[in-house]
Protein backbone atom coordinates (compact mmCIF):
# COMPACT_ATOMS: atom_id res chain seq x y z
CA MET A 1 -174.73 123.23 5.57
CA ILE A 2 -175.64 120.41 3.23
CA LEU A 3 -175.73 116.85 4.50
CA LYS A 4 -176.03 113.92 2.07
CA VAL A 5 -177.58 110.78 3.50
CA ARG A 6 -178.26 107.76 1.23
CA GLU A 7 -178.42 109.88 -1.89
CA LEU A 8 -180.88 112.21 -0.20
CA MET A 9 -179.69 115.73 0.24
CA VAL A 10 -180.74 117.37 3.48
CA ILE A 11 -180.18 121.09 3.74
CA ILE A 12 -179.71 122.38 7.23
CA VAL A 13 -180.16 126.11 7.55
CA LEU A 14 -178.53 127.68 10.54
CA PRO A 15 -180.22 130.99 11.27
CA TYR A 16 -178.09 134.10 11.48
CA SER A 17 -179.67 134.72 14.86
CA LEU A 18 -177.43 132.02 16.30
CA MET A 19 -174.58 134.53 16.37
CA LYS A 20 -172.53 133.93 19.44
CA GLU A 21 -173.40 136.21 22.34
CA ARG A 22 -169.79 137.39 22.52
CA GLU A 23 -169.85 138.43 18.85
CA GLU A 24 -173.11 140.31 19.39
CA GLN A 25 -171.62 142.16 22.36
CA GLN A 26 -168.49 143.08 20.37
CA LEU A 27 -170.62 144.39 17.51
CA LYS A 28 -172.80 146.51 19.80
CA LYS A 29 -169.73 147.84 21.63
CA ALA A 30 -167.95 148.81 18.39
CA PHE A 31 -171.11 150.54 17.15
CA GLY A 32 -171.47 152.42 20.44
CA ASP A 33 -167.82 153.45 20.38
CA ARG A 34 -168.32 154.85 16.88
CA ILE A 35 -171.36 156.88 17.97
CA ARG A 36 -169.45 158.21 21.01
CA LYS A 37 -166.51 159.27 18.83
CA ILE A 38 -168.70 161.11 16.33
CA ARG A 39 -170.73 162.72 19.13
CA LYS A 40 -167.57 163.96 20.84
CA ASP A 41 -166.14 165.17 17.51
CA ARG A 42 -169.33 167.25 17.17
CA ASP A 43 -168.81 168.52 20.75
CA LEU A 44 -172.22 167.20 21.85
CA SER A 45 -173.12 165.84 25.26
CA GLN A 46 -175.18 162.67 25.54
CA GLU A 47 -178.05 164.78 26.79
CA THR A 48 -177.88 167.17 23.82
CA LEU A 49 -177.73 164.29 21.35
CA ALA A 50 -180.67 162.64 23.09
CA LEU A 51 -182.72 165.84 22.91
CA ILE A 52 -181.99 166.27 19.19
CA CYS A 53 -182.91 162.61 18.51
CA GLY A 54 -185.99 162.58 20.69
CA LEU A 55 -184.51 159.70 22.70
CA ASP A 56 -183.73 159.39 26.39
CA ARG A 57 -180.22 160.28 27.62
CA THR A 58 -179.93 156.93 29.40
CA TYR A 59 -180.74 155.19 26.09
CA ILE A 60 -177.86 157.03 24.36
CA GLY A 61 -175.56 156.05 27.24
CA GLY A 62 -176.63 152.43 26.88
CA VAL A 63 -175.99 152.55 23.13
CA GLU A 64 -172.50 153.96 23.65
CA ARG A 65 -171.69 151.27 26.23
CA GLY A 66 -172.87 148.52 23.86
CA GLU A 67 -175.82 147.57 26.05
CA ARG A 68 -178.53 148.32 23.49
CA ASN A 69 -179.53 146.57 20.30
CA LEU A 70 -180.79 149.53 18.26
CA SER A 71 -183.72 149.51 15.91
CA LEU A 72 -183.36 150.81 12.37
CA ILE A 73 -185.49 153.84 13.29
CA ASN A 74 -183.22 154.79 16.19
CA ILE A 75 -180.11 154.36 14.03
CA TYR A 76 -181.70 156.74 11.55
CA LYS A 77 -182.58 159.27 14.29
CA ILE A 78 -179.04 159.21 15.68
CA SER A 79 -177.45 159.55 12.24
CA LYS A 80 -179.65 162.57 11.45
CA ALA A 81 -178.86 164.18 14.81
CA LEU A 82 -175.12 163.69 14.22
CA ARG A 83 -175.53 164.89 10.61
CA VAL A 84 -173.82 161.84 9.12
CA PRO A 85 -175.12 159.16 6.76
CA ALA A 86 -176.27 156.09 8.71
CA LYS A 87 -173.63 153.99 6.95
CA GLU A 88 -170.91 156.13 8.56
CA LEU A 89 -172.00 154.81 11.96
CA PHE A 90 -170.88 151.37 10.80
CA ASP A 91 -167.47 152.43 9.44
CA ASP A 92 -164.32 151.90 11.47
């Protein structure tokens, strides 16, 4: 946002981190739903996926329920375990 006051331009930067909590929850839920769908298409249990990834089963469950905000490393681990490119986890 740019605000002009008495010929002085003031630039106000609103950080992306101010995303509304509801939007964050929707994003995490959609991502988790996508992982669940791919996992089920591969006929894998949460436990099997977790073992392949080297992550805890409860972590995978939390991801699928939209309760976790994944790190880039964990996204990579999950994509490798599901044998899909990481970008596919973001596709609808």
